[in-house]
Protein backbone atom coordinates (compact mmCIF):
# COMPACT_ATOMS: atom_id res chain seq x y z
CA MET A 1 27.51 127.98 50.57
CA GLY A 2 24.07 129.10 52.18
CA ALA A 3 22.56 132.50 51.25
CA GLY A 4 24.17 135.32 53.21
CA ASP A 5 27.40 133.18 54.00
CA GLU A 6 29.60 135.34 51.64
CA ASN A 7 31.59 138.18 53.50
CA GLY A 8 31.54 140.38 50.45
CA SER A 9 35.15 139.27 49.19
CA GLY A 10 34.18 135.73 48.12
CA GLY A 11 34.98 134.31 51.57
CA MET A 12 32.81 133.10 54.36
CA ARG A 13 31.47 134.87 57.32
CA ALA A 14 32.14 133.97 60.93
CA ARG A 15 29.53 131.34 62.47
CA LEU A 16 28.70 131.16 66.03
CA ILE A 17 29.36 127.72 67.20
CA ALA A 18 29.22 128.00 71.06
CA GLY A 19 27.95 130.44 73.52
CA THR A 20 24.89 131.65 74.92
CA ILE A 21 23.45 134.14 77.54
CA THR A 22 20.72 132.49 79.70
CA PRO A 23 18.30 133.87 82.31
CA ARG A 24 20.63 132.40 85.09
CA ASP A 25 23.33 135.22 83.94
CA TYR A 26 20.71 137.98 84.97
CA PRO A 27 22.60 140.26 87.50
CA LYS A 28 21.24 139.76 90.86
CA GLN A 29 20.86 143.22 91.88
CA GLU A 30 19.00 144.04 88.61
CA ARG A 31 16.64 141.08 88.76
CA ALA A 32 15.71 141.80 92.45
CA ALA A 33 14.82 145.33 91.27
CA ARG A 34 13.12 144.09 87.94
CA ILE A 35 15.26 146.33 85.82
CA GLY A 36 15.45 144.97 82.36
CA GLY A 37 16.49 146.46 78.92
CA SER A 38 18.12 145.71 75.54
CA VAL A 39 21.78 145.84 74.98
CA THR A 40 23.63 145.91 71.63
CA VAL A 41 27.30 145.40 71.39
CA SER A 42 29.72 145.06 68.76
CA PHE A 43 33.00 142.89 68.92
CA GLU A 44 35.80 141.45 66.68
CA VAL A 45 35.73 137.77 66.14
CA GLY A 46 39.52 137.01 65.65
CA ALA A 47 40.94 134.57 63.17
CA ASP A 48 40.81 132.13 66.23
CA GLY A 49 37.23 132.30 66.37
CA ARG A 50 37.22 134.29 69.91
CA ALA A 51 35.12 137.36 70.49
CA ARG A 52 37.03 140.25 71.93
CA GLY A 53 37.03 143.94 72.23
CA CYS A 54 33.37 144.18 72.89
CA VAL A 55 31.90 147.76 73.07
CA VAL A 56 28.36 148.70 73.83
CA THR A 57 26.88 150.44 70.77
CA GLY A 58 23.21 150.64 72.17
CA THR A 59 22.88 150.76 75.99
CA SER A 60 20.18 149.24 78.07
CA GLY A 61 20.35 152.41 80.36
CA ASN A 62 21.88 150.10 83.09
CA THR A 63 25.58 149.65 83.47
CA ALA A 64 25.34 146.19 85.13
CA LEU A 65 23.34 144.86 82.23
CA ASP A 66 25.65 146.61 79.62
CA THR A 67 28.82 145.41 81.30
CA THR A 68 27.55 141.73 81.85
CA THR A 69 26.56 141.35 78.17
CA CYS A 70 30.10 142.32 76.92
CA ARG A 71 31.77 140.24 79.71
CA LEU A 72 29.84 137.16 78.71
CA VAL A 73 30.06 137.61 75.05
CA GLU A 74 33.83 137.89 75.53
CA ALA A 75 34.08 134.88 77.89
CA ARG A 76 31.60 132.30 76.09
CA PHE A 77 31.04 133.08 72.45
CA ARG A 78 33.06 131.03 70.05
CA TYR A 79 32.87 130.92 66.39
CA ALA A 80 34.17 129.24 63.17
CA PRO A 81 36.14 132.25 61.92
CA ALA A 82 35.66 134.04 58.76
CA ARG A 83 37.48 133.06 55.99
CA SER A 84 39.05 135.09 52.89
CA ALA A 85 38.30 133.92 49.36
CA GLY A 86 41.71 131.89 49.58
CA GLY A 87 40.12 130.17 52.76
CA VAL A 88 42.38 131.87 55.08
CA PRO A 89 40.88 132.45 58.64
CA VAL A 90 40.51 136.45 59.01
CA SER A 91 38.99 138.52 61.65
CA GLU A 92 35.60 139.94 61.26
CA GLN A 93 33.57 142.52 63.08
CA ARG A 94 30.08 141.24 64.54
CA GLY A 95 27.29 142.31 66.81
CA TRP A 96 24.89 141.15 69.30
CA ARG A 97 21.53 142.33 70.82
CA GLN A 98 20.94 140.81 74.16
CA ARG A 99 17.32 141.37 75.80
CA TRP A 100 17.23 141.40 79.40
CA TRP A 101 13.75 140.80 80.82
CA LEU A 102 11.93 139.25 83.55
CA GLU A 103 8.55 137.26 82.97
């Protein structure tokens, strides 16, 4: 077990195994207007490894960037689920910060 892998109860934390948000995902209208920002979200990783229940906890100030971030996290992110000390898959709360910017 690596440093920081324990979930505080002797088990293992969830680990991201698939899913990304790429520059191609930038909402078209925001890209054209050169609107950027940082979005922080919170979501549950279920015992099945899927992200769900995404909520914006730090807004970018732009609804399209915020909603796109949550939609993509729930659609794409997959985790090896957290495990209890007994090795049973359990849900876990996680977070993500997405930085939307144009070079």
